[in-house]
Amino acid sequence: MTSARELPIPPRASAAKEASEILRAWINDGALEVSLLRVWDEPDAWGILLVDLARHASRAFATEGICSEASAMRRIRDMFDAEWDRPSDLGTTDKVTKQ
């Protein structure tokens, strides 16, 4: 069931024959909730995905005139490093299957 709070599927992914959704992230009462598929055989690819996500977020800040893309990337990386070194919330991970 689609919710009005869900983001739209990107146009190229929507039109592609073999595109797959691999990640959903929600903020729920201030906490992060994630659904993901472990699609790669090695964890290294997730590092690339995380950096690519940071670039997209940085461009969004720049496009909206909030700060430059470079400034946004620097701030995201600074917070990534700080969170990596001193996690504010380790959260939990549960295996959930489709119903």
N, C-alpha and C. Protein backbone atom coordinates (compact mmCIF):
# COMPACT_ATOMS: atom_id res chain seq x y z
N MET A 1 0.84 -1.18 0.00
CA MET A 1 0.00 0.00 0.00
C MET A 1 0.89 1.24 0.00
N THR A 2 0.62 2.17 -0.88
CA THR A 2 1.43 3.37 -1.01
C THR A 2 0.89 4.45 -0.07
N SER A 3 1.79 5.12 0.60
CA SER A 3 1.44 6.20 1.51
C SER A 3 1.77 7.54 0.87
N ALA A 4 1.00 8.56 1.21
CA ALA A 4 1.26 9.91 0.70
C ALA A 4 2.59 10.43 1.21
N ARG A 5 3.16 9.79 2.22
CA ARG A 5 4.44 10.22 2.78
C ARG A 5 5.61 9.57 2.09
N GLU A 6 5.36 8.66 1.17
CA GLU A 6 6.44 8.00 0.45
C GLU A 6 6.95 8.89 -0.68
N LEU A 7 8.23 8.80 -0.95
CA LEU A 7 8.82 9.53 -2.06
C LEU A 7 8.47 8.84 -3.37
N PRO A 8 8.44 9.58 -4.45
CA PRO A 8 8.17 8.95 -5.74
C PRO A 8 9.36 8.11 -6.21
N ILE A 9 9.07 7.12 -7.03
CA ILE A 9 10.13 6.32 -7.64
C ILE A 9 10.83 7.20 -8.67
N PRO A 10 12.17 7.24 -8.69
CA PRO A 10 12.87 8.05 -9.69
C PRO A 10 12.44 7.64 -11.11
N PRO A 11 12.30 8.61 -12.01
CA PRO A 11 11.77 8.33 -13.35
C PRO A 11 12.51 7.24 -14.12
N ARG A 12 13.84 7.27 -14.12
CA ARG A 12 14.58 6.24 -14.86
C ARG A 12 14.40 4.87 -14.24
N ALA A 13 14.33 4.80 -12.91
CA ALA A 13 14.11 3.52 -12.25
C ALA A 13 12.70 3.00 -12.54
N SER A 14 11.76 3.92 -12.58
CA SER A 14 10.38 3.53 -12.86
C SER A 14 10.24 2.94 -14.26
N ALA A 15 11.00 3.47 -15.21
CA ALA A 15 10.93 3.03 -16.60
C ALA A 15 11.81 1.81 -16.89
N ALA A 16 12.77 1.53 -16.02
CA ALA A 16 13.72 0.44 -16.27
C ALA A 16 13.07 -0.92 -16.08
N LYS A 17 13.53 -1.88 -16.86
CA LYS A 17 12.99 -3.24 -16.78
C LYS A 17 13.54 -4.01 -15.58
N GLU A 18 14.76 -3.70 -15.15
CA GLU A 18 15.39 -4.50 -14.10
C GLU A 18 15.83 -3.68 -12.89
N ALA A 19 15.25 -2.52 -12.66
CA ALA A 19 15.61 -1.73 -11.49
C ALA A 19 15.02 -2.37 -10.24
N SER A 20 15.74 -2.26 -9.12
CA SER A 20 15.27 -2.82 -7.86
C SER A 20 15.44 -1.80 -6.75
N GLU A 21 14.45 -1.69 -5.91
CA GLU A 21 14.57 -0.86 -4.72
C GLU A 21 15.40 -1.64 -3.71
N ILE A 22 16.44 -1.01 -3.17
CA ILE A 22 17.31 -1.72 -2.23
C ILE A 22 17.33 -1.07 -0.85
N LEU A 23 16.78 0.15 -0.72
CA LEU A 23 16.88 0.87 0.55
C LEU A 23 15.68 1.79 0.74
N ARG A 24 15.11 1.74 1.93
CA ARG A 24 14.10 2.71 2.36
C ARG A 24 14.53 3.19 3.74
N ALA A 25 14.43 4.48 3.97
CA ALA A 25 14.79 5.03 5.27
C ALA A 25 13.68 5.97 5.74
N TRP A 26 13.26 5.81 6.97
CA TRP A 26 12.20 6.61 7.56
C TRP A 26 12.66 7.16 8.90
N ILE A 27 12.22 8.36 9.22
CA ILE A 27 12.40 8.90 10.56
C ILE A 27 11.07 8.72 11.27
N ASN A 28 11.10 7.99 12.38
CA ASN A 28 9.89 7.68 13.13
C ASN A 28 10.13 8.07 14.58
N ASP A 29 9.43 9.08 15.05
CA ASP A 29 9.62 9.59 16.41
C ASP A 29 11.09 9.90 16.68
N GLY A 30 11.76 10.48 15.70
CA GLY A 30 13.15 10.89 15.85
C GLY A 30 14.17 9.77 15.65
N ALA A 31 13.70 8.56 15.39
CA ALA A 31 14.62 7.43 15.21
C ALA A 31 14.59 6.97 13.75
N LEU A 32 15.72 6.47 13.29
CA LEU A 32 15.84 5.97 11.93
C LEU A 32 15.32 4.54 11.85
N GLU A 33 14.48 4.28 10.86
CA GLU A 33 14.04 2.93 10.55
C GLU A 33 14.40 2.67 9.10
N VAL A 34 14.96 1.50 8.83
CA VAL A 34 15.47 1.19 7.50
C VAL A 34 15.01 -0.19 7.07
N SER A 35 14.64 -0.30 5.81
CA SER A 35 14.47 -1.60 5.16
C SER A 35 15.51 -1.65 4.06
N LEU A 36 16.23 -2.75 3.96
CA LEU A 36 17.23 -2.85 2.90
C LEU A 36 17.40 -4.27 2.45
N LEU A 37 17.89 -4.40 1.24
CA LEU A 37 18.29 -5.69 0.70
C LEU A 37 19.81 -5.71 0.60
N ARG A 38 20.41 -6.77 1.08
CA ARG A 38 21.86 -6.93 0.95
C ARG A 38 22.10 -7.50 -0.45
N VAL A 39 22.24 -6.61 -1.41
CA VAL A 39 22.29 -7.02 -2.82
C VAL A 39 23.69 -7.36 -3.32
N TRP A 40 24.71 -6.95 -2.62
CA TRP A 40 26.08 -7.21 -3.06
C TRP A 40 26.70 -8.32 -2.22
N ASP A 41 27.66 -9.02 -2.81
CA ASP A 41 28.34 -10.10 -2.10
C ASP A 41 29.32 -9.59 -1.06
N GLU A 42 29.82 -8.39 -1.25
CA GLU A 42 30.81 -7.81 -0.33
C GLU A 42 30.29 -6.49 0.23
N PRO A 43 30.64 -6.15 1.47
CA PRO A 43 30.14 -4.91 2.08
C PRO A 43 30.73 -3.63 1.49
N ASP A 44 31.86 -3.74 0.76
CA ASP A 44 32.52 -2.55 0.21
C ASP A 44 31.59 -1.68 -0.62
N ALA A 45 30.70 -2.30 -1.37
CA ALA A 45 29.81 -1.55 -2.26
C ALA A 45 28.90 -0.60 -1.47
N TRP A 46 28.60 -0.94 -0.23
CA TRP A 46 27.78 -0.05 0.58
C TRP A 46 28.52 1.25 0.90
N GLY A 47 29.84 1.21 0.96
CA GLY A 47 30.62 2.44 1.14
C GLY A 47 30.41 3.38 -0.04
N ILE A 48 30.43 2.82 -1.25
CA ILE A 48 30.18 3.63 -2.45
C ILE A 48 28.77 4.20 -2.40
N LEU A 49 27.79 3.36 -2.05
CA LEU A 49 26.41 3.82 -1.98
C LEU A 49 26.27 4.97 -0.97
N LEU A 50 26.89 4.84 0.20
CA LEU A 50 26.77 5.90 1.22
C LEU A 50 27.38 7.21 0.74
N VAL A 51 28.51 7.16 0.06
CA VAL A 51 29.12 8.37 -0.47
C VAL A 51 28.25 8.97 -1.58
N ASP A 52 27.71 8.11 -2.44
CA ASP A 52 26.80 8.60 -3.49
C ASP A 52 25.57 9.27 -2.88
N LEU A 53 25.02 8.70 -1.81
CA LEU A 53 23.88 9.33 -1.12
C LEU A 53 24.27 10.70 -0.57
N ALA A 54 25.47 10.79 0.01
CA ALA A 54 25.94 12.07 0.54
C ALA A 54 26.05 13.11 -0.58
N ARG A 55 26.52 12.69 -1.74
CA ARG A 55 26.62 13.61 -2.88
C ARG A 55 25.25 14.11 -3.31
N HIS A 56 24.28 13.19 -3.38
CA HIS A 56 22.92 13.60 -3.75
C HIS A 56 22.35 14.58 -2.73
N ALA A 57 22.54 14.30 -1.45
CA ALA A 57 22.05 15.19 -0.41
C ALA A 57 22.74 16.56 -0.50
N SER A 58 24.04 16.55 -0.75
CA SER A 58 24.79 17.81 -0.89
C SER A 58 24.27 18.65 -2.04
N ARG A 59 23.98 17.99 -3.16
CA ARG A 59 23.42 18.71 -4.31
C ARG A 59 22.06 19.29 -3.99
N ALA A 60 21.27 18.57 -3.20
CA ALA A 60 19.95 19.08 -2.81
C ALA A 60 20.10 20.36 -1.98
N PHE A 61 21.04 20.38 -1.04
CA PHE A 61 21.27 21.59 -0.25
C PHE A 61 21.73 22.73 -1.14
N ALA A 62 22.61 22.44 -2.08
CA ALA A 62 23.11 23.48 -2.99
C ALA A 62 21.99 23.99 -3.89
N THR A 63 21.19 23.09 -4.43
CA THR A 63 20.09 23.47 -5.31
C THR A 63 19.08 24.35 -4.59
N GLU A 64 18.86 24.09 -3.32
CA GLU A 64 17.91 24.88 -2.54
C GLU A 64 18.55 26.14 -1.95
N GLY A 65 19.83 26.38 -2.26
CA GLY A 65 20.50 27.60 -1.83
C GLY A 65 20.85 27.65 -0.36
N ILE A 66 20.89 26.51 0.29
CA ILE A 66 21.17 26.47 1.73
C ILE A 66 22.66 26.61 1.99
N CYS A 67 23.46 25.92 1.21
CA CYS A 67 24.92 26.03 1.28
C CYS A 67 25.48 25.44 0.00
N SER A 68 26.77 25.57 -0.19
CA SER A 68 27.38 25.01 -1.40
C SER A 68 27.43 23.49 -1.29
N GLU A 69 27.56 22.85 -2.44
CA GLU A 69 27.69 21.39 -2.45
C GLU A 69 28.93 20.96 -1.65
N ALA A 70 30.04 21.68 -1.84
CA ALA A 70 31.28 21.34 -1.14
C ALA A 70 31.11 21.49 0.37
N SER A 71 30.45 22.56 0.80
CA SER A 71 30.23 22.78 2.22
C SER A 71 29.34 21.68 2.80
N ALA A 72 28.30 21.32 2.08
CA ALA A 72 27.40 20.26 2.55
C ALA A 72 28.16 18.94 2.66
N MET A 73 28.96 18.61 1.65
CA MET A 73 29.73 17.36 1.70
C MET A 73 30.69 17.35 2.88
N ARG A 74 31.35 18.46 3.11
CA ARG A 74 32.29 18.55 4.23
C ARG A 74 31.56 18.33 5.55
N ARG A 75 30.40 18.97 5.70
CA ARG A 75 29.63 18.84 6.95
C ARG A 75 29.09 17.42 7.13
N ILE A 76 28.63 16.81 6.04
CA ILE A 76 28.15 15.43 6.12
C ILE A 76 29.29 14.50 6.53
N ARG A 77 30.45 14.69 5.92
CA ARG A 77 31.60 13.82 6.26
C ARG A 77 32.05 14.04 7.70
N ASP A 78 32.07 15.30 8.14
CA ASP A 78 32.45 15.57 9.53
C ASP A 78 31.52 14.85 10.50
N MET A 79 30.21 14.91 10.21
CA MET A 79 29.25 14.26 11.10
C MET A 79 29.34 12.74 10.97
N PHE A 80 29.59 12.24 9.77
CA PHE A 80 29.78 10.81 9.56
C PHE A 80 30.94 10.31 10.43
N ASP A 81 32.06 11.03 10.36
CA ASP A 81 33.23 10.63 11.15
C ASP A 81 32.94 10.71 12.64
N ALA A 82 32.24 11.77 13.08
CA ALA A 82 31.92 11.91 14.51
C ALA A 82 30.99 10.79 14.96
N GLU A 83 29.99 10.48 14.15
CA GLU A 83 29.04 9.41 14.49
C GLU A 83 29.72 8.05 14.47
N TRP A 84 30.65 7.88 13.53
CA TRP A 84 31.40 6.62 13.44
C TRP A 84 32.21 6.42 14.71
N ASP A 85 32.88 7.50 15.17
CA ASP A 85 33.74 7.41 16.35
C ASP A 85 32.96 7.32 17.67
N ARG A 86 31.83 8.03 17.74
CA ARG A 86 31.04 8.08 18.97
C ARG A 86 29.56 7.99 18.62
N PRO A 87 29.05 6.78 18.40
CA PRO A 87 27.65 6.63 17.97
C PRO A 87 26.67 7.22 18.97
N SER A 88 25.72 7.98 18.46
CA SER A 88 24.69 8.54 19.33
C SER A 88 23.60 7.52 19.60
N ASP A 89 23.44 6.55 18.69
CA ASP A 89 22.44 5.49 18.86
C ASP A 89 22.83 4.33 17.96
N LEU A 90 23.15 3.19 18.53
CA LEU A 90 23.52 2.02 17.73
C LEU A 90 22.31 1.37 17.08
N GLY A 91 21.11 1.63 17.61
CA GLY A 91 19.91 1.06 17.03
C GLY A 91 19.92 -0.45 17.11
N THR A 92 18.95 -1.07 16.45
CA THR A 92 18.86 -2.52 16.38
C THR A 92 18.58 -2.91 14.95
N THR A 93 18.88 -4.13 14.61
CA THR A 93 18.62 -4.64 13.27
C THR A 93 17.89 -5.97 13.41
N ASP A 94 16.72 -6.04 12.79
CA ASP A 94 15.92 -7.25 12.81
C ASP A 94 15.65 -7.69 11.38
N LYS A 95 15.63 -8.98 11.17
CA LYS A 95 15.29 -9.49 9.84
C LYS A 95 13.75 -9.48 9.75
N VAL A 96 13.26 -8.83 8.73
CA VAL A 96 11.83 -8.75 8.49
C VAL A 96 11.56 -9.27 7.09
N THR A 97 10.56 -10.08 6.94
CA THR A 97 10.21 -10.59 5.63
C THR A 97 8.92 -9.96 5.15
N LYS A 98 8.72 -9.97 3.83
CA LYS A 98 7.50 -9.44 3.27
C LYS A 98 6.31 -10.25 3.76
N GLN A 99 5.21 -9.55 3.94
CA GLN A 99 3.99 -10.23 4.39
C GLN A 99 3.09 -10.53 3.24
